[in-house]
């Protein structure tokens, strides 16, 4: 079992990775770069912007220790929805990235309480 120092470092690394992922992906959605893809999945254009804002805010939240837990709790259902959407669309292999993000968010949430 990892000591608190090692676990703390692992949470920090996971949080930085999640911050980068959600700032990048959230920014792409806010910029309107996925409107066509959201339409293919059957979602309205506004939903892309909503998810983008929430992801970007969560990305910022992962950068600060006091807000990591909240950021993780917010992205967990978003990643579950992304996995569902990709599997439903017949592109299950693409669900690997949201699945890893979901697992990392669960880890950060558990260790940040």
PDB file of N, CA and C in Angstrom:
ATOM      1  N   UNK A   1       0.849  -1.190   0.000  1.00  0.00           N
ATOM      2  CA  UNK A   1       0.000   0.000   0.000  1.00  0.00           C
ATOM      3  C   UNK A   1       0.886   1.243   0.000  1.00  0.00           C
ATOM      4  N   UNK A   2       0.470   2.250  -0.734  1.00  0.00           N
ATOM      5  CA  UNK A   2       1.251   3.479  -0.854  1.00  0.00           C
ATOM      6  C   UNK A   2       1.112   4.328   0.400  1.00  0.00           C
ATOM      7  N   UNK A   3       2.219   4.993   0.768  1.00  0.00           N
ATOM      8  CA  UNK A   3       2.122   5.921   1.895  1.00  0.00           C
ATOM      9  C   UNK A   3       1.451   7.204   1.429  1.00  0.00           C
ATOM     10  N   UNK A   4       1.154   8.099   2.373  1.00  0.00           N
ATOM     11  CA  UNK A   4       0.436   9.341   2.041  1.00  0.00           C
ATOM     12  C   UNK A   4       1.213  10.206   1.060  1.00  0.00           C
ATOM     13  N   UNK A   5       2.525  10.220   1.139  1.00  0.00           N
ATOM     14  CA  UNK A   5       3.324  11.019   0.222  1.00  0.00           C
ATOM     15  C   UNK A   5       3.207  10.523  -1.208  1.00  0.00           C
ATOM     16  N   UNK A   6       3.296   9.210  -1.382  1.00  0.00           N
ATOM     17  CA  UNK A   6       3.180   8.627  -2.711  1.00  0.00           C
ATOM     18  C   UNK A   6       1.764   8.797  -3.250  1.00  0.00           C
ATOM     19  N   UNK A   7       0.769   8.559  -2.412  1.00  0.00           N
ATOM     20  CA  UNK A   7      -0.626   8.729  -2.835  1.00  0.00           C
ATOM     21  C   UNK A   7      -0.898  10.179  -3.193  1.00  0.00           C
ATOM     22  N   UNK A   8      -0.360  11.101  -2.410  1.00  0.00           N
ATOM     23  CA  UNK A   8      -0.545  12.525  -2.693  1.00  0.00           C
ATOM     24  C   UNK A   8       0.069  12.922  -4.024  1.00  0.00           C
ATOM     25  N   UNK A   9       1.246  12.361  -4.323  1.00  0.00           N
ATOM     26  CA  UNK A   9       1.881  12.641  -5.606  1.00  0.00           C
ATOM     27  C   UNK A   9       1.070  12.051  -6.752  1.00  0.00           C
ATOM     28  N   UNK A  10       0.533  10.849  -6.550  1.00  0.00           N
ATOM     29  CA  UNK A  10      -0.280  10.216  -7.586  1.00  0.00           C
ATOM     30  C   UNK A  10      -1.546  11.028  -7.856  1.00  0.00           C
ATOM     31  N   UNK A  11      -2.153  11.552  -6.795  1.00  0.00           N
ATOM     32  CA  UNK A  11      -3.339  12.403  -6.959  1.00  0.00           C
ATOM     33  C   UNK A  11      -2.962  13.678  -7.708  1.00  0.00           C
ATOM     34  N   UNK A  12      -1.813  14.249  -7.381  1.00  0.00           N
ATOM     35  CA  UNK A  12      -1.366  15.468  -8.070  1.00  0.00           C
ATOM     36  C   UNK A  12      -1.137  15.210  -9.553  1.00  0.00           C
ATOM     37  N   UNK A  13      -0.481  14.116  -9.880  1.00  0.00           N
ATOM     38  CA  UNK A  13      -0.221  13.782 -11.283  1.00  0.00           C
ATOM     39  C   UNK A  13      -1.539  13.526 -12.018  1.00  0.00           C
ATOM     40  N   UNK A  14      -2.419  12.739 -11.405  1.00  0.00           N
ATOM     41  CA  UNK A  14      -3.719  12.453 -12.023  1.00  0.00           C
ATOM     42  C   UNK A  14      -4.511  13.739 -12.215  1.00  0.00           C
ATOM     43  N   UNK A  15      -4.455  14.622 -11.240  1.00  0.00           N
ATOM     44  CA  UNK A  15      -5.185  15.892 -11.329  1.00  0.00           C
ATOM     45  C   UNK A  15      -4.651  16.769 -12.452  1.00  0.00           C
ATOM     46  N   UNK A  16      -3.345  16.803 -12.619  1.00  0.00           N
ATOM     47  CA  UNK A  16      -2.751  17.601 -13.699  1.00  0.00           C
ATOM     48  C   UNK A  16      -3.151  17.025 -15.060  1.00  0.00           C
ATOM     49  N   UNK A  17      -3.090  15.703 -15.183  1.00  0.00           N
ATOM     50  CA  UNK A  17      -3.508  15.068 -16.443  1.00  0.00           C
ATOM     51  C   UNK A  17      -4.972  15.369 -16.750  1.00  0.00           C
ATOM     52  N   UNK A  18      -5.821  15.258 -15.736  1.00  0.00           N
ATOM     53  CA  UNK A  18      -7.245  15.549 -15.929  1.00  0.00           C
ATOM     54  C   UNK A  18      -7.468  17.023 -16.261  1.00  0.00           C
ATOM     55  N   UNK A  19      -6.728  17.896 -15.605  1.00  0.00           N
ATOM     56  CA  UNK A  19      -6.852  19.329 -15.890  1.00  0.00           C
ATOM     57  C   UNK A  19      -6.516  19.606 -17.351  1.00  0.00           C
ATOM     58  N   UNK A  20      -5.420  19.051 -17.824  1.00  0.00           N
ATOM     59  CA  UNK A  20      -5.018  19.252 -19.221  1.00  0.00           C
ATOM     60  C   UNK A  20      -6.069  18.697 -20.180  1.00  0.00           C
ATOM     61  N   UNK A  21      -6.541  17.501 -19.898  1.00  0.00           N
ATOM     62  CA  UNK A  21      -7.546  16.868 -20.748  1.00  0.00           C
ATOM     63  C   UNK A  21      -8.816  17.704 -20.826  1.00  0.00           C
ATOM     64  N   UNK A  22      -9.330  18.131 -19.682  1.00  0.00           N
ATOM     65  CA  UNK A  22     -10.606  18.842 -19.674  1.00  0.00           C
ATOM     66  C   UNK A  22     -10.481  20.290 -20.125  1.00  0.00           C
ATOM     67  N   UNK A  23      -9.344  20.914 -19.891  1.00  0.00           N
ATOM     68  CA  UNK A  23      -9.151  22.263 -20.434  1.00  0.00           C
ATOM     69  C   UNK A  23      -9.081  22.212 -21.962  1.00  0.00           C
ATOM     70  N   UNK A  24      -8.379  21.220 -22.484  1.00  0.00           N
ATOM     71  CA  UNK A  24      -8.274  21.082 -23.940  1.00  0.00           C
ATOM     72  C   UNK A  24      -9.620  20.710 -24.560  1.00  0.00           C
ATOM     73  N   UNK A  25     -10.235  19.649 -24.060  1.00  0.00           N
ATOM     74  CA  UNK A  25     -11.506  19.200 -24.638  1.00  0.00           C
ATOM     75  C   UNK A  25     -12.624  20.203 -24.407  1.00  0.00           C
ATOM     76  N   UNK A  26     -12.666  20.793 -23.234  1.00  0.00           N
ATOM     77  CA  UNK A  26     -13.678  21.814 -22.959  1.00  0.00           C
ATOM     78  C   UNK A  26     -13.493  23.015 -23.875  1.00  0.00           C
ATOM     79  N   UNK A  27     -12.248  23.423 -24.066  1.00  0.00           N
ATOM     80  CA  UNK A  27     -11.964  24.547 -24.961  1.00  0.00           C
ATOM     81  C   UNK A  27     -12.375  24.263 -26.394  1.00  0.00           C
ATOM     82  N   UNK A  28     -12.145  23.027 -26.845  1.00  0.00           N
ATOM     83  CA  UNK A  28     -12.563  22.653 -28.202  1.00  0.00           C
ATOM     84  C   UNK A  28     -14.077  22.747 -28.358  1.00  0.00           C
ATOM     85  N   UNK A  29     -14.784  22.319 -27.336  1.00  0.00           N
ATOM     86  CA  UNK A  29     -16.252  22.373 -27.395  1.00  0.00           C
ATOM     87  C   UNK A  29     -16.747  23.811 -27.333  1.00  0.00           C
ATOM     88  N   UNK A  30     -16.152  24.625 -26.477  1.00  0.00           N
ATOM     89  CA  UNK A  30     -16.533  26.037 -26.376  1.00  0.00           C
ATOM     90  C   UNK A  30     -16.272  26.743 -27.705  1.00  0.00           C
ATOM     91  N   UNK A  31     -15.201  26.359 -28.390  1.00  0.00           N
ATOM     92  CA  UNK A  31     -14.858  26.961 -29.680  1.00  0.00           C
ATOM     93  C   UNK A  31     -15.760  26.463 -30.814  1.00  0.00           C
ATOM     94  N   UNK A  32     -16.650  25.525 -30.513  1.00  0.00           N
ATOM     95  CA  UNK A  32     -17.581  25.036 -31.528  1.00  0.00           C
ATOM     96  C   UNK A  32     -16.983  24.028 -32.479  1.00  0.00           C
ATOM     97  N   UNK A  33     -15.920  23.368 -32.068  1.00  0.00           N
ATOM     98  CA  UNK A  33     -15.211  22.457 -32.957  1.00  0.00           C
ATOM     99  C   UNK A  33     -15.851  21.078 -33.077  1.00  0.00           C
ATOM    100  N   UNK A  34     -16.914  20.828 -32.293  1.00  0.00           N
ATOM    101  CA  UNK A  34     -17.518  19.494 -32.305  1.00  0.00           C
ATOM    102  C   UNK A  34     -19.014  19.522 -32.598  1.00  0.00           C
ATOM    103  N   UNK A  35     -19.508  20.601 -33.157  1.00  0.00           N
ATOM    104  CA  UNK A  35     -20.942  20.730 -33.423  1.00  0.00           C
ATOM    105  C   UNK A  35     -21.436  19.586 -34.305  1.00  0.00           C
ATOM    106  N   UNK A  36     -20.701  19.291 -35.377  1.00  0.00           N
ATOM    107  CA  UNK A  36     -21.119  18.221 -36.283  1.00  0.00           C
ATOM    108  C   UNK A  36     -21.152  16.869 -35.576  1.00  0.00           C
ATOM    109  N   UNK A  37     -20.146  16.613 -34.734  1.00  0.00           N
ATOM    110  CA  UNK A  37     -20.104  15.332 -34.028  1.00  0.00           C
ATOM    111  C   UNK A  37     -21.263  15.203 -33.044  1.00  0.00           C
ATOM    112  N   UNK A  38     -21.569  16.271 -32.333  1.00  0.00           N
ATOM    113  CA  UNK A  38     -22.696  16.234 -31.401  1.00  0.00           C
ATOM    114  C   UNK A  38     -23.998  15.998 -32.156  1.00  0.00           C
ATOM    115  N   UNK A  39     -24.125  16.564 -33.355  1.00  0.00           N
ATOM    116  CA  UNK A  39     -25.315  16.348 -34.176  1.00  0.00           C
ATOM    117  C   UNK A  39     -25.426  14.888 -34.601  1.00  0.00           C
ATOM    118  N   UNK A  40     -24.304  14.281 -34.971  1.00  0.00           N
ATOM    119  CA  UNK A  40     -24.302  12.859 -35.344  1.00  0.00           C
ATOM    120  C   UNK A  40     -24.777  12.008 -34.165  1.00  0.00           C
ATOM    121  N   UNK A  41     -24.368  12.381 -32.980  1.00  0.00           N
ATOM    122  CA  UNK A  41     -24.760  11.637 -31.785  1.00  0.00           C
ATOM    123  C   UNK A  41     -26.202  11.921 -31.363  1.00  0.00           C
ATOM    124  N   UNK A  42     -26.829  12.914 -31.995  1.00  0.00           N
ATOM    125  CA  UNK A  42     -28.218  13.231 -31.678  1.00  0.00           C
ATOM    126  C   UNK A  42     -28.402  14.291 -30.610  1.00  0.00           C
ATOM    127  N   UNK A  43     -27.356  15.047 -30.320  1.00  0.00           N
ATOM    128  CA  UNK A  43     -27.445  16.095 -29.307  1.00  0.00           C
ATOM    129  C   UNK A  43     -27.557  17.463 -29.968  1.00  0.00           C
ATOM    130  N   UNK A  44     -28.292  18.394 -29.359  1.00  0.00           N
ATOM    131  CA  UNK A  44     -28.384  19.743 -29.930  1.00  0.00           C
ATOM    132  C   UNK A  44     -27.058  20.492 -29.759  1.00  0.00           C
ATOM    133  N   UNK A  45     -26.851  21.504 -30.603  1.00  0.00           N
ATOM    134  CA  UNK A  45     -25.596  22.258 -30.591  1.00  0.00           C
ATOM    135  C   UNK A  45     -25.324  22.896 -29.232  1.00  0.00           C
ATOM    136  N   UNK A  46     -26.354  23.398 -28.555  1.00  0.00           N
ATOM    137  CA  UNK A  46     -26.140  24.077 -27.276  1.00  0.00           C
ATOM    138  C   UNK A  46     -25.535  23.137 -26.237  1.00  0.00           C
ATOM    139  N   UNK A  47     -25.826  21.834 -26.374  1.00  0.00           N
ATOM    140  CA  UNK A  47     -25.331  20.861 -25.402  1.00  0.00           C
ATOM    141  C   UNK A  47     -23.799  20.784 -25.446  1.00  0.00           C
ATOM    142  N   UNK A  48     -23.240  20.925 -26.639  1.00  0.00           N
ATOM    143  CA  UNK A  48     -21.789  20.932 -26.787  1.00  0.00           C
ATOM    144  C   UNK A  48     -21.173  22.070 -25.987  1.00  0.00           C
ATOM    145  N   UNK A  49     -21.784  23.251 -26.066  1.00  0.00           N
ATOM    146  CA  UNK A  49     -21.248  24.414 -25.353  1.00  0.00           C
ATOM    147  C   UNK A  49     -21.384  24.245 -23.838  1.00  0.00           C
ATOM    148  N   UNK A  50     -22.507  23.708 -23.405  1.00  0.00           N
ATOM    149  CA  UNK A  50     -22.714  23.458 -21.973  1.00  0.00           C
ATOM    150  C   UNK A  50     -21.654  22.494 -21.448  1.00  0.00           C
ATOM    151  N   UNK A  51     -21.485  21.379 -22.131  1.00  0.00           N
ATOM    152  CA  UNK A  51     -20.481  20.398 -21.701  1.00  0.00           C
ATOM    153  C   UNK A  51     -19.087  21.021 -21.744  1.00  0.00           C
ATOM    154  N   UNK A  52     -18.810  21.821 -22.755  1.00  0.00           N
ATOM    155  CA  UNK A  52     -17.503  22.472 -22.862  1.00  0.00           C
ATOM    156  C   UNK A  52     -17.206  23.389 -21.688  1.00  0.00           C
ATOM    157  N   UNK A  53     -18.190  24.187 -21.301  1.00  0.00           N
ATOM    158  CA  UNK A  53     -18.002  25.099 -20.164  1.00  0.00           C
ATOM    159  C   UNK A  53     -17.786  24.305 -18.886  1.00  0.00           C
ATOM    160  N   UNK A  54     -18.599  23.276 -18.677  1.00  0.00           N
ATOM    161  CA  UNK A  54     -18.470  22.465 -17.455  1.00  0.00           C
ATOM    162  C   UNK A  54     -17.108  21.758 -17.430  1.00  0.00           C
ATOM    163  N   UNK A  55     -16.690  21.205 -18.580  1.00  0.00           N
ATOM    164  CA  UNK A  55     -15.389  20.534 -18.625  1.00  0.00           C
ATOM    165  C   UNK A  55     -14.243  21.519 -18.366  1.00  0.00           C
ATOM    166  N   UNK A  56     -14.302  22.690 -18.965  1.00  0.00           N
ATOM    167  CA  UNK A  56     -13.236  23.680 -18.758  1.00  0.00           C
ATOM    168  C   UNK A  56     -13.172  24.128 -17.300  1.00  0.00           C
ATOM    169  N   UNK A  57     -14.329  24.361 -16.690  1.00  0.00           N
ATOM    170  CA  UNK A  57     -14.348  24.737 -15.274  1.00  0.00           C
ATOM    171  C   UNK A  57     -13.805  23.614 -14.398  1.00  0.00           C
ATOM    172  N   UNK A  58     -14.169  22.388 -14.727  1.00  0.00           N
ATOM    173  CA  UNK A  58     -13.638  21.247 -13.975  1.00  0.00           C
ATOM    174  C   UNK A  58     -12.122  21.160 -14.164  1.00  0.00           C
ATOM    175  N   UNK A  59     -11.653  21.431 -15.374  1.00  0.00           N
ATOM    176  CA  UNK A  59     -10.211  21.427 -15.622  1.00  0.00           C
ATOM    177  C   UNK A  59      -9.485  22.396 -14.710  1.00  0.00           C
ATOM    178  N   UNK A  60     -10.049  23.579 -14.548  1.00  0.00           N
ATOM    179  CA  UNK A  60      -9.470  24.553 -13.615  1.00  0.00           C
ATOM    180  C   UNK A  60      -9.554  24.018 -12.187  1.00  0.00           C
ATOM    181  N   UNK A  61     -10.676  23.387 -11.857  1.00  0.00           N
ATOM    182  CA  UNK A  61     -10.859  22.837 -10.515  1.00  0.00           C
ATOM    183  C   UNK A  61      -9.830  21.778 -10.154  1.00  0.00           C
ATOM    184  N   UNK A  62      -9.389  21.006 -11.147  1.00  0.00           N
ATOM    185  CA  UNK A  62      -8.379  19.980 -10.872  1.00  0.00           C
ATOM    186  C   UNK A  62      -7.019  20.579 -10.517  1.00  0.00           C
ATOM    187  N   UNK A  63      -6.806  21.829 -10.832  1.00  0.00           N
ATOM    188  CA  UNK A  63      -5.511  22.456 -10.572  1.00  0.00           C
ATOM    189  C   UNK A  63      -5.342  22.916  -9.127  1.00  0.00           C
ATOM    190  N   UNK A  64      -6.426  22.991  -8.388  1.00  0.00           N
ATOM    191  CA  UNK A  64      -6.351  23.461  -6.991  1.00  0.00           C
ATOM    192  C   UNK A  64      -6.769  22.343  -6.053  1.00  0.00           C
ATOM    193  N   UNK A  65      -5.971  22.098  -5.068  1.00  0.00           N
ATOM    194  CA  UNK A  65      -6.242  21.012  -4.123  1.00  0.00           C
ATOM    195  C   UNK A  65      -7.633  21.116  -3.477  1.00  0.00           C
ATOM    196  N   UNK A  66      -8.080  22.301  -3.050  1.00  0.00           N
ATOM    197  CA  UNK A  66      -9.397  22.362  -2.388  1.00  0.00           C
ATOM    198  C   UNK A  66     -10.587  22.056  -3.313  1.00  0.00           C
ATOM    199  N   UNK A  67     -10.387  22.159  -4.626  1.00  0.00           N
ATOM    200  CA  UNK A  67     -11.512  21.962  -5.550  1.00  0.00           C
ATOM    201  C   UNK A  67     -11.401  20.675  -6.372  1.00  0.00           C
ATOM    202  N   UNK A  68     -10.394  19.882  -6.112  1.00  0.00           N
ATOM    203  CA  UNK A  68     -10.209  18.638  -6.878  1.00  0.00           C
ATOM    204  C   UNK A  68     -11.374  17.674  -6.707  1.00  0.00           C
ATOM    205  N   UNK A  69     -11.833  17.505  -5.490  1.00  0.00           N
ATOM    206  CA  UNK A  69     -12.935  16.569  -5.251  1.00  0.00           C
ATOM    207  C   UNK A  69     -14.174  16.985  -6.041  1.00  0.00           C
ATOM    208  N   UNK A  70     -14.534  18.251  -5.964  1.00  0.00           N
ATOM    209  CA  UNK A  70     -15.709  18.742  -6.689  1.00  0.00           C
ATOM    210  C   UNK A  70     -15.537  18.576  -8.196  1.00  0.00           C
ATOM    211  N   UNK A  71     -14.365  18.895  -8.710  1.00  0.00           N
ATOM    212  CA  UNK A  71     -14.104  18.724 -10.146  1.00  0.00           C
ATOM    213  C   UNK A  71     -14.279  17.267 -10.556  1.00  0.00           C
ATOM    214  N   UNK A  72     -13.755  16.360  -9.751  1.00  0.00           N
ATOM    215  CA  UNK A  72     -13.874  14.937 -10.063  1.00  0.00           C
ATOM    216  C   UNK A  72     -15.331  14.488 -10.040  1.00  0.00           C
ATOM    217  N   UNK A  73     -16.073  14.925  -9.032  1.00  0.00           N
ATOM    218  CA  UNK A  73     -17.485  14.544  -8.931  1.00  0.00           C
ATOM    219  C   UNK A  73     -18.284  15.074 -10.119  1.00  0.00           C
ATOM    220  N   UNK A  74     -17.911  16.224 -10.618  1.00  0.00           N
ATOM    221  CA  UNK A  74     -18.614  16.807 -11.760  1.00  0.00           C
ATOM    222  C   UNK A  74     -18.317  16.037 -13.048  1.00  0.00           C
ATOM    223  N   UNK A  75     -17.077  15.626 -13.265  1.00  0.00           N
ATOM    224  CA  UNK A  75     -16.747  14.971 -14.532  1.00  0.00           C
ATOM    225  C   UNK A  75     -17.105  13.492 -14.574  1.00  0.00           C
ATOM    226  N   UNK A  76     -17.305  12.870 -13.434  1.00  0.00           N
ATOM    227  CA  UNK A  76     -17.639  11.438 -13.430  1.00  0.00           C
ATOM    228  C   UNK A  76     -18.905  11.158 -14.252  1.00  0.00           C
ATOM    229  N   UNK A  77     -20.030  11.839 -14.018  1.00  0.00           N
ATOM    230  CA  UNK A  77     -21.204  11.546 -14.850  1.00  0.00           C
ATOM    231  C   UNK A  77     -21.028  11.988 -16.310  1.00  0.00           C
ATOM    232  N   UNK A  78     -20.233  13.021 -16.540  1.00  0.00           N
ATOM    233  CA  UNK A  78     -19.979  13.446 -17.924  1.00  0.00           C
ATOM    234  C   UNK A  78     -19.214  12.356 -18.667  1.00  0.00           C
ATOM    235  N   UNK A  79     -18.224  11.769 -18.043  1.00  0.00           N
ATOM    236  CA  UNK A  79     -17.464  10.700 -18.687  1.00  0.00           C
ATOM    237  C   UNK A  79     -18.317   9.445 -18.853  1.00  0.00           C
ATOM    238  N   UNK A  80     -19.179   9.153 -17.894  1.00  0.00           N
ATOM    239  CA  UNK A  80     -20.093   8.015 -18.053  1.00  0.00           C
ATOM    240  C   UNK A  80     -21.004   8.248 -19.256  1.00  0.00           C
ATOM    241  N   UNK A  81     -21.480   9.475 -19.410  1.00  0.00           N
ATOM    242  CA  UNK A  81     -22.315   9.819 -20.565  1.00  0.00           C
ATOM    243  C   UNK A  81     -21.543   9.737 -21.868  1.00  0.00           C
ATOM    244  N   UNK A  82     -20.287  10.136 -21.855  1.00  0.00           N
ATOM    245  CA  UNK A  82     -19.451  10.049 -23.060  1.00  0.00           C
ATOM    246  C   UNK A  82     -19.245   8.590 -23.465  1.00  0.00           C
ATOM    247  N   UNK A  83     -18.984   7.750 -22.481  1.00  0.00           N
ATOM    248  CA  UNK A  83     -18.813   6.318 -22.764  1.00  0.00           C
ATOM    249  C   UNK A  83     -20.103   5.757 -23.360  1.00  0.00           C
ATOM    250  N   UNK A  84     -21.228   6.045 -22.740  1.00  0.00           N
ATOM    251  CA  UNK A  84     -22.525   5.585 -23.238  1.00  0.00           C
ATOM    252  C   UNK A  84     -22.750   6.058 -24.681  1.00  0.00           C
ATOM    253  N   UNK A  85     -22.490   7.331 -24.936  1.00  0.00           N
ATOM    254  CA  UNK A  85     -22.695   7.908 -26.268  1.00  0.00           C
ATOM    255  C   UNK A  85     -21.843   7.206 -27.311  1.00  0.00           C
ATOM    256  N   UNK A  86     -20.582   6.983 -27.006  1.00  0.00           N
ATOM    257  CA  UNK A  86     -19.676   6.352 -27.964  1.00  0.00           C
ATOM    258  C   UNK A  86     -20.033   4.890 -28.217  1.00  0.00           C
ATOM    259  N   UNK A  87     -20.411   4.179 -27.176  1.00  0.00           N
ATOM    260  CA  UNK A  87     -20.823   2.779 -27.347  1.00  0.00           C
ATOM    261  C   UNK A  87     -22.122   2.718 -28.156  1.00  0.00           C
ATOM    262  N   UNK A  88     -23.076   3.579 -27.827  1.00  0.00           N
ATOM    263  CA  UNK A  88     -24.354   3.625 -28.547  1.00  0.00           C
ATOM    264  C   UNK A  88     -24.138   3.961 -30.018  1.00  0.00           C
ATOM    265  N   UNK A  89     -23.157   4.802 -30.311  1.00  0.00           N
ATOM    266  CA  UNK A  89     -22.876   5.217 -31.686  1.00  0.00           C
ATOM    267  C   UNK A  89     -22.093   4.155 -32.460  1.00  0.00           C
ATOM    268  N   UNK A  90     -21.728   3.067 -31.798  1.00  0.00           N
ATOM    269  CA  UNK A  90     -20.975   2.010 -32.469  1.00  0.00           C
ATOM    270  C   UNK A  90     -19.488   2.280 -32.565  1.00  0.00           C
ATOM    271  N   UNK A  91     -19.001   3.201 -31.761  1.00  0.00           N
ATOM    272  CA  UNK A  91     -17.572   3.540 -31.770  1.00  0.00           C
ATOM    273  C   UNK A  91     -16.959   3.259 -30.399  1.00  0.00           C
ATOM    274  N   UNK A  92     -17.240   2.064 -29.889  1.00  0.00           N
ATOM    275  CA  UNK A  92     -16.786   1.688 -28.549  1.00  0.00           C
ATOM    276  C   UNK A  92     -15.281   1.855 -28.336  1.00  0.00           C
ATOM    277  N   UNK A  93     -14.413   1.563 -29.324  1.00  0.00           N
ATOM    278  CA  UNK A  93     -12.973   1.757 -29.072  1.00  0.00           C
ATOM    279  C   UNK A  93     -12.614   3.203 -28.709  1.00  0.00           C
ATOM    280  N   UNK A  94     -13.395   4.155 -29.202  1.00  0.00           N
ATOM    281  CA  UNK A  94     -13.134   5.554 -28.867  1.00  0.00           C
ATOM    282  C   UNK A  94     -13.480   5.868 -27.407  1.00  0.00           C
ATOM    283  N   UNK A  95     -14.167   4.963 -26.746  1.00  0.00           N
ATOM    284  CA  UNK A  95     -14.550   5.170 -25.351  1.00  0.00           C
ATOM    285  C   UNK A  95     -13.381   4.949 -24.394  1.00  0.00           C
ATOM    286  N   UNK A  96     -12.232   4.553 -24.914  1.00  0.00           N
ATOM    287  CA  UNK A  96     -11.081   4.290 -24.045  1.00  0.00           C
ATOM    288  C   UNK A  96     -10.636   5.547 -23.299  1.00  0.00           C
ATOM    289  N   UNK A  97     -10.578   6.678 -23.980  1.00  0.00           N
ATOM    290  CA  UNK A  97     -10.112   7.913 -23.324  1.00  0.00           C
ATOM    291  C   UNK A  97     -11.082   8.346 -22.224  1.00  0.00           C
ATOM    292  N   UNK A  98     -12.406   8.422 -22.496  1.00  0.00           N
ATOM    293  CA  UNK A  98     -13.294   8.772 -21.387  1.00  0.00           C
ATOM    294  C   UNK A  98     -13.296   7.726 -20.274  1.00  0.00           C
ATOM    295  N   UNK A  99     -13.057   6.463 -20.615  1.00  0.00           N
ATOM    296  CA  UNK A  99     -13.004   5.429 -19.572  1.00  0.00           C
ATOM    297  C   UNK A  99     -11.805   5.650 -18.654  1.00  0.00           C
ATOM    298  N   UNK A 100     -10.655   5.974 -19.229  1.00  0.00           N
ATOM    299  CA  UNK A 100      -9.464   6.256 -18.416  1.00  0.00           C
ATOM    300  C   UNK A 100      -9.693   7.522 -17.588  1.00  0.00           C
ATOM    301  N   UNK A 101     -10.287   8.544 -18.204  1.00  0.00           N
ATOM    302  CA  UNK A 101     -10.588   9.779 -17.469  1.00  0.00           C
ATOM    303  C   UNK A 101     -11.548   9.501 -16.321  1.00  0.00           C
ATOM    304  N   UNK A 102     -12.529   8.646 -16.545  1.00  0.00           N
ATOM    305  CA  UNK A 102     -13.474   8.272 -15.485  1.00  0.00           C
ATOM    306  C   UNK A 102     -12.747   7.589 -14.334  1.00  0.00           C
ATOM    307  N   UNK A 103     -11.871   6.647 -14.654  1.00  0.00           N
ATOM    308  CA  UNK A 103     -11.122   5.950 -13.601  1.00  0.00           C
ATOM    309  C   UNK A 103     -10.213   6.907 -12.829  1.00  0.00           C
ATOM    310  N   UNK A 104      -9.547   7.802 -13.546  1.00  0.00           N
ATOM    311  CA  UNK A 104      -8.695   8.794 -12.869  1.00  0.00           C
ATOM    312  C   UNK A 104      -9.523   9.724 -11.991  1.00  0.00           C
ATOM    313  N   UNK A 105     -10.688  10.134 -12.480  1.00  0.00           N
ATOM    314  CA  UNK A 105     -11.558  11.014 -11.683  1.00  0.00           C
ATOM    315  C   UNK A 105     -12.057  10.296 -10.438  1.00  0.00           C
ATOM    316  N   UNK A 106     -12.394   9.021 -10.571  1.00  0.00           N
ATOM    317  CA  UNK A 106     -12.806   8.243  -9.390  1.00  0.00           C
ATOM    318  C   UNK A 106     -11.668   8.170  -8.370  1.00  0.00           C
ATOM    319  N   UNK A 107     -10.449   7.955  -8.850  1.00  0.00           N
ATOM    320  CA  UNK A 107      -9.280   7.914  -7.978  1.00  0.00           C
ATOM    321  C   UNK A 107      -9.078   9.249  -7.257  1.00  0.00           C
ATOM    322  N   UNK A 108      -9.134  10.333  -8.025  1.00  0.00           N
ATOM    323  CA  UNK A 108      -8.942  11.669  -7.428  1.00  0.00           C
ATOM    324  C   UNK A 108     -10.044  11.959  -6.421  1.00  0.00           C
ATOM    325  N   UNK A 109     -11.286  11.619  -6.764  1.00  0.00           N
ATOM    326  CA  UNK A 109     -12.398  11.854  -5.838  1.00  0.00           C
ATOM    327  C   UNK A 109     -12.195  11.083  -4.538  1.00  0.00           C
ATOM    328  N   UNK A 110     -11.819   9.831  -4.652  1.00  0.00           N
ATOM    329  CA  UNK A 110     -11.644   9.001  -3.446  1.00  0.00           C
ATOM    330  C   UNK A 110     -10.505   9.520  -2.565  1.00  0.00           C
ATOM    331  N   UNK A 111      -9.409   9.913  -3.186  1.00  0.00           N
ATOM    332  CA  UNK A 111      -8.224  10.334  -2.419  1.00  0.00           C
ATOM    333  C   UNK A 111      -8.282  11.804  -1.984  1.00  0.00           C
ATOM    334  N   UNK A 112      -9.233  12.575  -2.523  1.00  0.00           N
ATOM    335  CA  UNK A 112      -9.283  14.008  -2.213  1.00  0.00           C
ATOM    336  C   UNK A 112     -10.334  14.356  -1.182  1.00  0.00           C
ATOM    337  N   UNK A 113     -11.036  13.404  -0.679  1.00  0.00           N
ATOM    338  CA  UNK A 113     -12.086  13.680   0.308  1.00  0.00           C
ATOM    339  C   UNK A 113     -11.519  14.079   1.622  1.00  0.00           C
TER     340      UNK A 113
END
